[in-house]
N, C-alpha and C. Protein backbone atom coordinates (compact mmCIF):
# COMPACT_ATOMS: atom_id res chain seq x y z
N ARG A 1 -21.24 -8.67 35.99
CA ARG A 1 -22.67 -8.30 35.71
C ARG A 1 -22.70 -7.72 34.47
N GLN A 2 -22.00 -6.78 33.87
CA GLN A 2 -21.97 -6.14 32.79
C GLN A 2 -21.92 -7.25 31.60
N GLU A 3 -21.14 -8.23 31.91
CA GLU A 3 -20.95 -9.33 30.82
C GLU A 3 -22.22 -10.14 30.58
N LEU A 4 -22.77 -10.39 31.81
CA LEU A 4 -24.18 -11.11 31.98
C LEU A 4 -25.11 -10.42 31.05
N ASP A 5 -25.37 -9.18 31.43
CA ASP A 5 -26.13 -8.07 30.60
C ASP A 5 -25.88 -8.41 29.12
N SER A 6 -24.64 -7.98 28.62
CA SER A 6 -24.47 -8.19 27.28
C SER A 6 -24.75 -9.66 26.63
N VAL A 7 -24.44 -10.53 27.36
CA VAL A 7 -25.10 -12.07 26.88
C VAL A 7 -26.36 -11.99 26.77
N LYS A 8 -27.07 -11.57 27.85
CA LYS A 8 -28.48 -11.60 27.71
C LYS A 8 -29.06 -10.67 26.20
N ARG A 9 -28.46 -9.58 26.33
CA ARG A 9 -28.88 -8.84 25.20
C ARG A 9 -28.44 -9.61 23.86
N LEU A 10 -27.32 -10.26 23.64
CA LEU A 10 -27.15 -11.03 22.40
C LEU A 10 -28.17 -12.00 22.32
N LEU A 11 -28.54 -12.85 23.33
CA LEU A 11 -29.60 -13.93 23.20
C LEU A 11 -30.67 -13.42 22.82
N ALA A 12 -31.29 -12.18 23.33
CA ALA A 12 -32.42 -11.65 22.83
C ALA A 12 -32.66 -11.20 21.70
N GLU A 13 -31.41 -10.67 21.21
CA GLU A 13 -31.31 -10.31 19.81
C GLU A 13 -31.49 -11.18 18.72
N LEU A 14 -30.96 -12.56 19.13
CA LEU A 14 -30.52 -13.68 18.35
C LEU A 14 -32.04 -14.39 18.36
N ALA A 15 -32.77 -14.36 19.44
CA ALA A 15 -33.99 -14.90 19.32
C ALA A 15 -35.15 -14.14 18.67
N ASP A 16 -34.94 -12.61 18.84
CA ASP A 16 -35.76 -12.02 17.68
C ASP A 16 -35.37 -12.08 16.22
N ALA A 17 -34.06 -12.20 15.85
CA ALA A 17 -33.81 -12.32 14.39
C ALA A 17 -34.22 -13.72 14.09
N ASN A 18 -34.16 -14.75 15.01
CA ASN A 18 -34.47 -16.05 14.37
C ASN A 18 -36.10 -16.07 14.10
N ALA A 19 -36.87 -15.57 15.22
CA ALA A 19 -38.21 -15.45 14.95
C ALA A 19 -38.80 -14.70 13.78
N ARG A 20 -37.87 -13.59 13.19
CA ARG A 20 -38.01 -12.97 12.08
C ARG A 20 -37.80 -13.87 10.81
N ARG A 21 -36.84 -14.60 10.99
CA ARG A 21 -36.39 -15.27 9.94
C ARG A 21 -37.37 -16.53 9.77
N GLU A 22 -38.04 -16.99 10.84
CA GLU A 22 -38.78 -18.16 10.55
C GLU A 22 -40.28 -17.55 9.99
N ARG A 23 -40.68 -16.48 10.46
CA ARG A 23 -41.79 -15.72 9.83
C ARG A 23 -41.47 -15.43 8.64
N ALA A 24 -40.43 -15.09 8.18
CA ALA A 24 -40.32 -14.73 6.61
C ALA A 24 -40.32 -16.22 5.84
N GLU A 25 -39.50 -17.15 6.16
CA GLU A 25 -39.61 -18.34 5.59
C GLU A 25 -41.17 -18.84 5.62
N VAL A 26 -41.94 -18.89 6.52
CA VAL A 26 -43.21 -19.40 6.53
C VAL A 26 -44.18 -18.33 5.66
N ALA A 27 -43.89 -17.05 5.45
CA ALA A 27 -44.55 -16.07 4.67
C ALA A 27 -43.87 -16.43 3.34
N GLY A 28 -42.87 -16.82 2.98
CA GLY A 28 -42.25 -17.02 1.60
C GLY A 28 -41.83 -15.64 1.19
N THR A 29 -41.53 -14.89 2.21
CA THR A 29 -41.00 -13.54 1.74
C THR A 29 -39.59 -13.28 2.53
N SER A 30 -38.67 -14.24 2.10
CA SER A 30 -37.31 -14.40 2.59
C SER A 30 -36.39 -13.20 2.20
N GLY A 31 -36.66 -12.73 1.07
CA GLY A 31 -35.71 -11.81 0.57
C GLY A 31 -35.03 -10.97 1.60
N VAL A 32 -35.49 -9.58 1.86
CA VAL A 32 -35.35 -8.78 2.71
C VAL A 32 -34.94 -9.24 4.00
N ASP A 33 -35.92 -9.74 4.58
CA ASP A 33 -35.73 -10.35 6.01
C ASP A 33 -34.40 -11.42 6.06
N ARG A 34 -34.42 -12.01 5.25
CA ARG A 34 -33.04 -13.11 5.11
C ARG A 34 -31.99 -12.36 5.17
N ALA A 35 -31.82 -11.48 4.10
CA ALA A 35 -30.67 -10.56 4.00
C ALA A 35 -30.27 -9.88 5.31
N ALA A 36 -31.33 -9.36 5.99
CA ALA A 36 -31.20 -8.72 7.23
C ALA A 36 -30.46 -9.51 8.37
N PHE A 37 -31.08 -10.81 8.37
CA PHE A 37 -30.93 -11.83 9.20
C PHE A 37 -29.41 -12.33 8.99
N THR A 38 -28.99 -12.64 7.64
CA THR A 38 -27.70 -13.12 7.37
C THR A 38 -26.42 -11.99 7.87
N GLU A 39 -27.04 -10.81 7.57
CA GLU A 39 -26.03 -9.48 7.66
C GLU A 39 -25.86 -9.32 9.27
N TRP A 40 -26.92 -9.63 9.74
CA TRP A 40 -26.89 -9.35 11.42
C TRP A 40 -26.11 -10.85 12.13
N CYS A 41 -26.21 -11.74 11.53
CA CYS A 41 -25.29 -12.76 12.12
C CYS A 41 -23.71 -12.57 11.63
N ALA A 42 -23.58 -12.09 10.44
CA ALA A 42 -21.99 -11.79 9.96
C ALA A 42 -21.63 -10.74 10.95
N ALA A 43 -22.53 -9.80 11.26
CA ALA A 43 -22.02 -8.64 12.18
C ALA A 43 -21.77 -9.20 13.76
N MET A 44 -22.47 -10.03 14.02
CA MET A 44 -22.39 -10.55 15.43
C MET A 44 -21.15 -11.46 15.68
N VAL A 45 -21.04 -12.26 14.69
CA VAL A 45 -20.05 -13.34 14.76
C VAL A 45 -18.52 -12.74 14.41
N TRP A 46 -18.66 -11.66 13.68
CA TRP A 46 -17.12 -11.14 13.59
C TRP A 46 -17.19 -9.62 13.74
N ARG A 47 -16.52 -9.24 14.67
CA ARG A 47 -16.55 -7.90 15.05
C ARG A 47 -15.32 -6.97 14.64
N PRO A 48 -15.43 -6.08 13.70
CA PRO A 48 -14.33 -5.45 13.23
C PRO A 48 -13.85 -4.65 14.44
N PRO A 49 -12.56 -4.25 14.44
CA PRO A 49 -12.07 -3.39 15.68
C PRO A 49 -12.83 -2.21 16.18
N GLU A 50 -13.12 -1.54 15.32
CA GLU A 50 -13.99 -0.33 15.78
C GLU A 50 -15.30 -0.43 16.43
N ARG A 51 -15.86 -1.79 16.57
CA ARG A 51 -17.01 -1.97 17.42
C ARG A 51 -16.47 -2.38 18.66
N THR A 52 -15.87 -1.62 19.50
CA THR A 52 -15.56 -2.03 20.76
C THR A 52 -16.69 -1.99 21.91
N ASP A 53 -17.81 -1.52 21.53
CA ASP A 53 -18.93 -1.67 22.30
C ASP A 53 -19.54 -3.17 22.42
N GLU A 54 -19.20 -4.01 21.48
CA GLU A 54 -19.63 -5.12 21.50
C GLU A 54 -18.88 -6.08 22.27
N PRO A 55 -19.66 -7.29 23.02
CA PRO A 55 -18.84 -8.27 24.00
C PRO A 55 -17.75 -8.85 23.17
N VAL A 56 -16.68 -9.17 23.66
CA VAL A 56 -15.58 -10.20 23.18
C VAL A 56 -15.02 -10.90 24.52
N GLY A 57 -14.46 -12.12 24.09
CA GLY A 57 -13.78 -12.84 24.91
C GLY A 57 -14.49 -14.17 25.13
N ASP A 58 -14.42 -14.60 26.37
CA ASP A 58 -15.05 -15.98 26.62
C ASP A 58 -16.52 -16.09 26.24
N HIS A 59 -17.14 -15.07 26.97
CA HIS A 59 -18.70 -14.88 26.61
C HIS A 59 -18.87 -15.23 25.27
N ALA A 60 -18.30 -14.43 24.50
CA ALA A 60 -18.56 -14.18 22.92
C ALA A 60 -18.14 -15.76 22.44
N ALA A 61 -17.16 -16.47 22.98
CA ALA A 61 -16.94 -17.57 22.38
C ALA A 61 -18.07 -18.75 22.79
N ARG A 62 -18.61 -18.39 23.95
CA ARG A 62 -19.74 -19.31 24.52
C ARG A 62 -20.91 -19.10 23.51
N TRP A 63 -21.27 -17.83 23.23
CA TRP A 63 -22.35 -17.35 22.37
C TRP A 63 -22.22 -18.52 21.00
N VAL A 64 -21.08 -18.23 20.45
CA VAL A 64 -20.71 -18.68 19.19
C VAL A 64 -20.90 -20.15 19.15
N ASP A 65 -20.46 -20.91 20.41
CA ASP A 65 -20.52 -22.38 20.71
C ASP A 65 -22.07 -22.68 20.60
N ALA A 66 -23.05 -21.90 21.36
CA ALA A 66 -24.44 -22.06 21.70
C ALA A 66 -24.83 -22.00 20.17
N GLU A 67 -24.63 -21.18 19.37
CA GLU A 67 -25.48 -20.79 18.18
C GLU A 67 -24.73 -21.03 16.85
N HIS A 68 -23.77 -22.01 16.97
CA HIS A 68 -23.04 -22.36 15.64
C HIS A 68 -23.96 -22.73 14.58
N HIS A 69 -24.88 -23.53 14.90
CA HIS A 69 -25.84 -24.21 13.74
C HIS A 69 -26.69 -23.05 13.11
N LEU A 70 -26.90 -22.11 13.89
CA LEU A 70 -27.82 -20.88 13.17
C LEU A 70 -26.69 -20.20 12.45
N LEU A 71 -25.51 -19.99 12.92
CA LEU A 71 -24.47 -19.19 12.25
C LEU A 71 -24.00 -19.90 11.01
N GLU A 72 -23.97 -21.39 11.01
CA GLU A 72 -23.63 -22.19 9.81
C GLU A 72 -24.63 -22.02 8.81
N ASP A 73 -25.87 -21.87 9.13
CA ASP A 73 -26.98 -21.87 8.44
C ASP A 73 -26.95 -20.33 7.70
N ALA A 74 -26.50 -19.33 8.37
CA ALA A 74 -26.40 -18.01 7.73
C ALA A 74 -25.20 -18.15 6.76
N LEU A 75 -24.13 -18.76 7.01
CA LEU A 75 -22.97 -19.08 6.24
C LEU A 75 -23.75 -19.71 4.67
N ARG A 76 -24.49 -20.76 5.03
CA ARG A 76 -24.79 -21.48 3.92
C ARG A 76 -25.56 -20.38 3.00
N ASP A 77 -26.51 -19.86 3.61
CA ASP A 77 -27.36 -18.68 2.82
C ASP A 77 -26.41 -17.67 2.28
N ALA A 78 -25.75 -17.14 2.76
CA ALA A 78 -24.68 -16.02 2.10
C ALA A 78 -23.75 -16.69 1.02
N LEU A 79 -23.52 -17.93 1.30
CA LEU A 79 -22.80 -18.54 -0.17
C LEU A 79 -23.87 -18.84 -1.19
N HIS A 80 -25.13 -19.18 -0.86
CA HIS A 80 -26.07 -19.78 -1.76
C HIS A 80 -26.41 -18.14 -2.71
N ARG A 81 -26.44 -17.07 -1.71
CA ARG A 81 -26.85 -15.89 -2.58
C ARG A 81 -25.45 -15.09 -3.28
N GLY A 82 -24.40 -15.72 -2.97
CA GLY A 82 -23.38 -14.93 -3.43
C GLY A 82 -22.77 -13.64 -2.63
N TRP A 83 -23.06 -13.68 -1.37
CA TRP A 83 -22.70 -12.66 -0.53
C TRP A 83 -21.32 -12.78 -0.06
N ALA A 84 -20.35 -12.37 -0.65
CA ALA A 84 -19.01 -12.78 -0.35
C ALA A 84 -18.43 -11.92 0.89
N GLU A 85 -18.75 -10.91 1.13
CA GLU A 85 -18.38 -10.19 2.41
C GLU A 85 -18.87 -11.07 3.80
N GLN A 86 -20.02 -11.18 3.79
CA GLN A 86 -21.02 -12.02 4.63
C GLN A 86 -20.29 -13.27 5.05
N ALA A 87 -20.18 -14.04 3.92
CA ALA A 87 -19.59 -15.44 3.97
C ALA A 87 -18.30 -15.31 4.64
N ALA A 88 -17.28 -14.35 4.27
CA ALA A 88 -16.01 -14.16 4.69
C ALA A 88 -16.15 -13.92 6.07
N ARG A 89 -16.94 -13.01 6.63
CA ARG A 89 -16.97 -12.60 7.98
C ARG A 89 -17.36 -13.83 8.81
N LEU A 90 -18.39 -14.74 8.43
CA LEU A 90 -19.06 -15.55 9.15
C LEU A 90 -18.08 -16.75 9.23
N VAL A 91 -17.08 -16.97 8.22
CA VAL A 91 -15.93 -18.17 8.33
C VAL A 91 -14.95 -17.58 9.29
N ALA A 92 -14.56 -16.21 9.17
CA ALA A 92 -13.76 -15.89 10.47
C ALA A 92 -14.14 -15.88 11.59
N GLY A 93 -15.54 -15.71 11.73
CA GLY A 93 -15.93 -15.63 13.35
C GLY A 93 -16.31 -17.10 13.60
N LEU A 94 -16.78 -18.07 12.71
CA LEU A 94 -16.82 -19.40 13.15
C LEU A 94 -15.38 -20.26 13.13
N ALA A 95 -14.34 -19.94 12.45
CA ALA A 95 -13.30 -20.73 12.63
C ALA A 95 -12.92 -21.02 14.03
N PRO A 96 -12.88 -19.99 14.87
CA PRO A 96 -12.18 -20.50 16.23
C PRO A 96 -13.18 -21.56 16.85
N TYR A 97 -14.36 -21.55 16.57
CA TYR A 97 -15.27 -22.51 17.09
C TYR A 97 -14.78 -24.00 16.38
N TRP A 98 -14.68 -24.03 15.26
CA TRP A 98 -14.12 -25.33 14.45
C TRP A 98 -13.03 -25.73 14.89
N GLU A 99 -12.07 -24.75 15.43
CA GLU A 99 -10.84 -25.29 15.79
C GLU A 99 -10.83 -25.88 17.27
N ARG A 100 -11.75 -25.11 17.93
CA ARG A 100 -12.10 -25.80 19.41
C ARG A 100 -12.78 -27.10 19.43
N HIS A 101 -13.90 -27.31 18.47
CA HIS A 101 -14.84 -28.49 18.56
C HIS A 101 -14.66 -29.54 17.55
N GLY A 102 -13.60 -29.23 16.59
CA GLY A 102 -13.47 -30.12 15.48
C GLY A 102 -13.99 -29.64 13.95
N TYR A 103 -13.18 -29.61 13.12
CA TYR A 103 -13.40 -29.20 11.83
C TYR A 103 -13.50 -30.61 11.01
N ASP A 104 -14.98 -30.65 10.40
CA ASP A 104 -15.34 -31.80 9.79
C ASP A 104 -15.47 -31.44 8.27
N ALA A 105 -15.57 -32.45 7.63
CA ALA A 105 -15.64 -32.30 5.80
C ALA A 105 -16.90 -31.25 5.62
N ALA A 106 -17.89 -31.23 6.33
CA ALA A 106 -18.70 -30.29 5.88
C ALA A 106 -18.62 -28.84 6.22
N ALA A 107 -17.62 -28.66 7.22
CA ALA A 107 -17.45 -27.25 7.60
C ALA A 107 -16.30 -26.89 6.55
N HIS A 108 -15.28 -28.01 6.30
CA HIS A 108 -14.24 -27.60 5.21
C HIS A 108 -14.95 -27.42 3.74
N GLN A 109 -16.01 -27.93 3.59
CA GLN A 109 -16.64 -27.65 2.03
C GLN A 109 -17.11 -26.17 2.20
N LEU A 110 -17.68 -25.82 3.28
CA LEU A 110 -18.39 -24.30 3.70
C LEU A 110 -17.09 -23.26 3.37
N VAL A 111 -16.19 -23.76 4.05
CA VAL A 111 -14.82 -22.56 3.84
C VAL A 111 -14.20 -22.50 2.57
N GLN A 112 -14.09 -23.95 1.67
CA GLN A 112 -13.70 -23.66 0.60
C GLN A 112 -14.64 -22.71 -0.32
N GLN A 113 -15.84 -22.73 -0.10
CA GLN A 113 -16.72 -22.20 -0.94
C GLN A 113 -16.55 -20.61 -0.78
N ALA A 114 -16.57 -20.31 0.54
CA ALA A 114 -16.32 -19.05 1.10
C ALA A 114 -14.90 -18.28 0.39
N VAL A 115 -13.86 -19.16 0.43
CA VAL A 115 -12.68 -18.57 -0.19
C VAL A 115 -12.76 -18.46 -1.64
N GLU A 116 -13.43 -19.33 -2.20
CA GLU A 116 -13.67 -19.06 -3.84
C GLU A 116 -14.72 -17.94 -3.94
N LEU A 117 -15.66 -17.75 -3.09
CA LEU A 117 -16.55 -16.59 -3.52
C LEU A 117 -16.04 -15.39 -3.15
N SER A 118 -15.02 -15.22 -2.11
CA SER A 118 -14.43 -13.93 -1.46
C SER A 118 -13.10 -13.68 -2.13
N SER A 119 -12.46 -14.34 -3.20
CA SER A 119 -11.42 -14.46 -3.60
C SER A 119 -11.01 -12.97 -4.20
N SER A 120 -12.35 -12.28 -4.93
CA SER A 120 -12.04 -10.86 -5.46
C SER A 120 -12.09 -9.84 -4.30
N LEU A 121 -12.14 -10.15 -2.99
CA LEU A 121 -12.10 -9.22 -1.98
C LEU A 121 -10.91 -8.59 -1.56
N ALA A 122 -10.76 -7.55 -0.95
CA ALA A 122 -9.57 -7.15 -0.40
C ALA A 122 -9.91 -6.50 1.00
N THR A 123 -10.41 -7.68 1.82
CA THR A 123 -10.95 -7.10 3.06
C THR A 123 -10.32 -7.77 4.29
N LYS A 124 -10.30 -7.25 5.39
CA LYS A 124 -9.57 -8.04 6.61
C LYS A 124 -10.49 -9.42 6.62
N ALA A 125 -11.69 -9.48 6.49
CA ALA A 125 -12.53 -10.71 6.73
C ALA A 125 -11.93 -11.78 5.70
N SER A 126 -11.58 -11.24 4.39
CA SER A 126 -11.33 -12.40 3.42
C SER A 126 -9.78 -12.70 3.57
N ALA A 127 -9.14 -11.93 4.34
CA ALA A 127 -7.58 -12.42 4.55
C ALA A 127 -7.59 -13.50 5.73
N GLN A 128 -8.53 -13.26 6.56
CA GLN A 128 -8.70 -14.14 7.69
C GLN A 128 -9.14 -15.58 7.27
N THR A 129 -10.13 -15.33 6.23
CA THR A 129 -10.74 -16.57 5.44
C THR A 129 -9.62 -17.39 4.97
N LEU A 130 -8.75 -16.86 4.41
CA LEU A 130 -7.57 -17.41 3.67
C LEU A 130 -6.62 -18.02 4.55
N THR A 131 -6.32 -17.29 5.73
CA THR A 131 -5.57 -17.92 6.53
C THR A 131 -6.18 -18.99 7.59
N TRP A 132 -7.48 -19.00 7.87
CA TRP A 132 -8.12 -20.06 8.57
C TRP A 132 -8.40 -21.30 7.67
N SER A 133 -8.52 -21.01 6.43
CA SER A 133 -8.74 -21.93 5.30
C SER A 133 -7.45 -22.88 5.18
N ALA A 134 -6.35 -22.26 5.42
CA ALA A 134 -5.20 -22.93 5.42
C ALA A 134 -4.76 -23.82 6.69
N VAL A 135 -5.25 -23.20 7.82
CA VAL A 135 -4.99 -23.79 9.12
C VAL A 135 -5.73 -24.83 9.29
N LEU A 136 -7.10 -24.55 9.29
CA LEU A 136 -7.98 -25.64 9.36
C LEU A 136 -7.99 -26.74 8.58
N GLY A 137 -7.74 -26.36 6.98
CA GLY A 137 -7.96 -27.33 6.07
C GLY A 137 -6.88 -28.24 5.64
N LEU A 138 -5.95 -27.97 6.47
CA LEU A 138 -4.52 -28.78 6.30
C LEU A 138 -4.76 -30.27 6.29
N GLN A 139 -5.61 -30.93 7.18
CA GLN A 139 -5.75 -32.37 6.98
C GLN A 139 -6.65 -32.50 5.88
N TYR A 140 -7.30 -31.87 5.06
CA TYR A 140 -7.90 -32.07 4.03
C TYR A 140 -7.00 -32.05 2.59
N VAL A 141 -6.11 -31.28 2.77
CA VAL A 141 -5.22 -30.73 1.66
C VAL A 141 -3.78 -31.49 1.55
N ARG A 142 -3.51 -32.17 2.67
CA ARG A 142 -2.30 -32.86 2.64
C ARG A 142 -1.42 -33.20 1.29
N ASP A 143 -2.31 -33.72 0.51
CA ASP A 143 -1.62 -33.94 -0.81
C ASP A 143 -1.25 -32.83 -1.69
N ASP A 144 -1.49 -31.57 -1.32
CA ASP A 144 -1.52 -30.47 -1.87
C ASP A 144 -1.00 -29.28 -1.05
N PRO A 145 0.22 -29.44 -0.49
CA PRO A 145 0.80 -28.15 0.40
C PRO A 145 0.78 -27.04 -0.44
N ALA A 146 1.09 -26.78 -1.51
CA ALA A 146 1.13 -25.71 -2.08
C ALA A 146 0.07 -24.76 -2.09
N LEU A 147 -1.25 -25.76 -2.03
CA LEU A 147 -2.69 -24.74 -1.95
C LEU A 147 -2.43 -24.04 -0.64
N VAL A 148 -1.86 -24.63 0.49
CA VAL A 148 -2.03 -24.04 1.67
C VAL A 148 -1.11 -22.71 1.57
N VAL A 149 0.42 -22.99 1.04
CA VAL A 149 1.14 -22.00 0.85
C VAL A 149 0.41 -20.99 -0.08
N ARG A 150 0.00 -21.26 -1.00
CA ARG A 150 -0.78 -19.90 -1.99
C ARG A 150 -1.71 -19.23 -1.17
N ARG A 151 -2.44 -19.98 -0.21
CA ARG A 151 -3.48 -19.18 0.58
C ARG A 151 -2.84 -18.36 1.59
N LEU A 152 -1.99 -18.78 2.33
CA LEU A 152 -1.32 -17.97 3.04
C LEU A 152 -0.57 -16.90 2.50
N GLU A 153 -0.01 -16.97 1.44
CA GLU A 153 0.90 -16.00 0.70
C GLU A 153 -0.17 -14.76 0.32
N ARG A 154 -1.37 -15.22 -0.25
CA ARG A 154 -2.38 -14.27 -0.53
C ARG A 154 -2.94 -13.70 0.49
N ALA A 155 -3.08 -14.15 1.85
CA ALA A 155 -3.75 -13.64 2.90
C ALA A 155 -2.49 -12.66 3.30
N LEU A 156 -1.08 -12.89 3.27
CA LEU A 156 -0.15 -11.84 3.45
C LEU A 156 0.01 -10.61 2.73
N ALA A 157 -0.30 -10.98 1.37
CA ALA A 157 -0.48 -9.95 0.31
C ALA A 157 -1.70 -9.02 0.73
N LEU A 158 -2.49 -9.54 1.05
CA LEU A 158 -4.10 -8.68 1.12
C LEU A 158 -3.64 -7.84 2.31
N ALA A 159 -3.35 -8.54 3.57
CA ALA A 159 -2.92 -7.86 4.72
C ALA A 159 -2.06 -6.83 4.61
N ALA A 160 -0.76 -7.06 3.71
CA ALA A 160 0.15 -5.78 3.49
C ALA A 160 -0.64 -4.69 2.69
N GLN A 161 -1.28 -5.18 1.82
CA GLN A 161 -2.37 -4.03 0.97
C GLN A 161 -3.20 -3.40 1.73
N LEU A 162 -3.62 -4.06 2.96
CA LEU A 162 -4.55 -3.28 3.84
C LEU A 162 -3.88 -2.59 4.79
N ARG A 163 -2.75 -2.81 5.08
CA ARG A 163 -1.62 -2.23 6.08
C ARG A 163 -2.24 -2.64 7.33
N ASP A 164 -2.48 -3.76 7.56
CA ASP A 164 -2.87 -4.44 8.65
C ASP A 164 -1.99 -5.46 9.20
N THR A 165 -1.22 -5.03 10.36
CA THR A 165 -0.15 -5.76 10.85
C THR A 165 -0.43 -6.76 11.69
N GLU A 166 -1.75 -6.63 12.10
CA GLU A 166 -2.32 -7.64 12.93
C GLU A 166 -2.63 -9.03 12.03
N GLU A 167 -3.27 -8.83 10.93
CA GLU A 167 -3.34 -9.79 10.04
C GLU A 167 -2.19 -10.28 9.33
N GLU A 168 -1.20 -9.33 9.05
CA GLU A 168 -0.02 -10.06 8.52
C GLU A 168 0.80 -10.89 9.57
N LEU A 169 0.61 -10.47 10.82
CA LEU A 169 1.03 -11.38 12.04
C LEU A 169 0.48 -12.74 12.30
N ARG A 170 -0.89 -12.80 11.98
CA ARG A 170 -1.50 -13.67 11.96
C ARG A 170 -1.27 -14.96 10.82
N ALA A 171 -1.15 -14.35 9.67
CA ALA A 171 -0.77 -15.42 8.54
C ALA A 171 0.61 -15.80 8.93
N LEU A 172 1.55 -14.76 8.99
CA LEU A 172 2.76 -15.12 9.19
C LEU A 172 2.89 -16.60 10.44
N SER A 173 2.28 -16.17 11.42
CA SER A 173 2.45 -17.28 12.39
C SER A 173 1.62 -18.49 12.10
N ALA A 174 0.77 -18.48 11.43
CA ALA A 174 0.16 -19.69 10.85
C ALA A 174 1.13 -20.21 9.61
N ARG A 175 1.96 -19.47 9.07
CA ARG A 175 2.95 -20.16 7.88
C ARG A 175 4.11 -20.84 8.89
N VAL A 176 4.39 -20.00 10.22
CA VAL A 176 5.62 -20.88 10.67
C VAL A 176 5.10 -22.16 11.30
N VAL A 177 3.76 -22.03 11.85
CA VAL A 177 3.39 -23.22 12.55
C VAL A 177 2.79 -24.47 11.46
N LEU A 178 2.59 -24.22 10.49
CA LEU A 178 2.28 -24.91 9.34
C LEU A 178 3.73 -25.63 8.65
N ALA A 179 4.80 -24.87 8.69
CA ALA A 179 5.75 -25.26 8.19
C ALA A 179 6.49 -26.68 7.99
N PRO A 180 6.55 -27.36 9.10
CA PRO A 180 6.91 -28.56 9.13
C PRO A 180 5.82 -29.41 8.37
N TYR A 181 4.43 -29.15 8.53
CA TYR A 181 3.51 -30.12 8.23
C TYR A 181 3.41 -30.01 6.44
N ILE A 182 4.15 -28.83 5.94
CA ILE A 182 3.96 -28.73 4.53
C ILE A 182 5.45 -28.81 3.89
N GLY A 183 6.28 -29.49 4.63
CA GLY A 183 7.79 -29.42 4.07
C GLY A 183 8.81 -28.30 4.06
N ASP A 184 8.56 -27.24 4.85
CA ASP A 184 9.23 -25.97 4.85
C ASP A 184 9.75 -25.70 6.15
N VAL A 185 10.50 -26.24 6.84
CA VAL A 185 11.12 -25.92 8.00
C VAL A 185 12.07 -24.73 7.89
N GLU A 186 12.64 -24.77 6.85
CA GLU A 186 13.85 -23.77 6.50
C GLU A 186 13.18 -22.40 6.58
N GLY A 187 12.05 -22.50 5.75
CA GLY A 187 11.32 -21.21 5.26
C GLY A 187 10.92 -20.60 6.51
N ALA A 188 10.62 -21.36 7.68
CA ALA A 188 10.10 -21.06 8.80
C ALA A 188 10.80 -19.91 9.33
N ARG A 189 12.15 -19.90 9.33
CA ARG A 189 12.86 -18.91 9.87
C ARG A 189 12.82 -17.56 9.23
N VAL A 190 12.74 -17.50 7.84
CA VAL A 190 12.46 -16.35 7.05
C VAL A 190 11.10 -15.63 7.65
N TYR A 191 9.99 -16.49 7.65
CA TYR A 191 8.66 -15.96 8.27
C TYR A 191 8.88 -15.21 9.66
N VAL A 192 9.42 -16.01 10.52
CA VAL A 192 9.94 -15.67 11.71
C VAL A 192 10.51 -14.09 11.80
N GLU A 193 11.53 -14.21 11.08
CA GLU A 193 12.29 -13.00 10.77
C GLU A 193 11.48 -11.80 10.32
N GLN A 194 10.71 -12.08 9.37
CA GLN A 194 9.85 -11.33 8.63
C GLN A 194 8.73 -10.58 9.80
N GLY A 195 8.18 -11.55 10.71
CA GLY A 195 7.32 -11.12 11.73
C GLY A 195 8.00 -10.02 12.74
N MET A 196 9.20 -10.41 13.01
CA MET A 196 9.99 -9.40 13.81
C MET A 196 10.09 -8.18 13.23
N THR A 197 9.92 -8.01 12.12
CA THR A 197 10.17 -6.46 11.30
C THR A 197 8.93 -5.80 11.38
N LEU A 198 7.63 -6.38 11.79
CA LEU A 198 6.59 -5.66 11.52
C LEU A 198 6.53 -4.77 12.57
């Protein structure tokens, strides 16, 4: 029952935000309202650990599945406006959707832009964006496995800088899983051992 109430609340908030966005676009005053809408989408799709009051789990995944077009639109807007943190959060939140339902060239382009835009950030969202860009983008960068390695190494360095063990483990596990695809099977052992020390 509580889960259903949370989903209903999320849908009502989404409908309200979408209506505000549409009104702003019609009125030609998309600046502040569009910023609030994009920030709201970034917050809803990516929840920092301290926001334990927000719904998580299967119902949150269903929400992202249902609203992915709207969230991708918010990502495009964040990229267009140069909003690095919002773009990183949106990519980190949308990545599991793309992993479940397919990662196409259009999504890959959005992720690449977000990685470039957020390259100067030192946040959990930017570390996740780097990790997801390597995992999801492998099919598009098979001819450049060094790019995958560089992104995962940057994600590891960011996570260590942030003292975020969870993100370090996420990047390390991605490095181990991708090792056979990038020709580094022996290196996988090193990353497993490194993960065990965290």
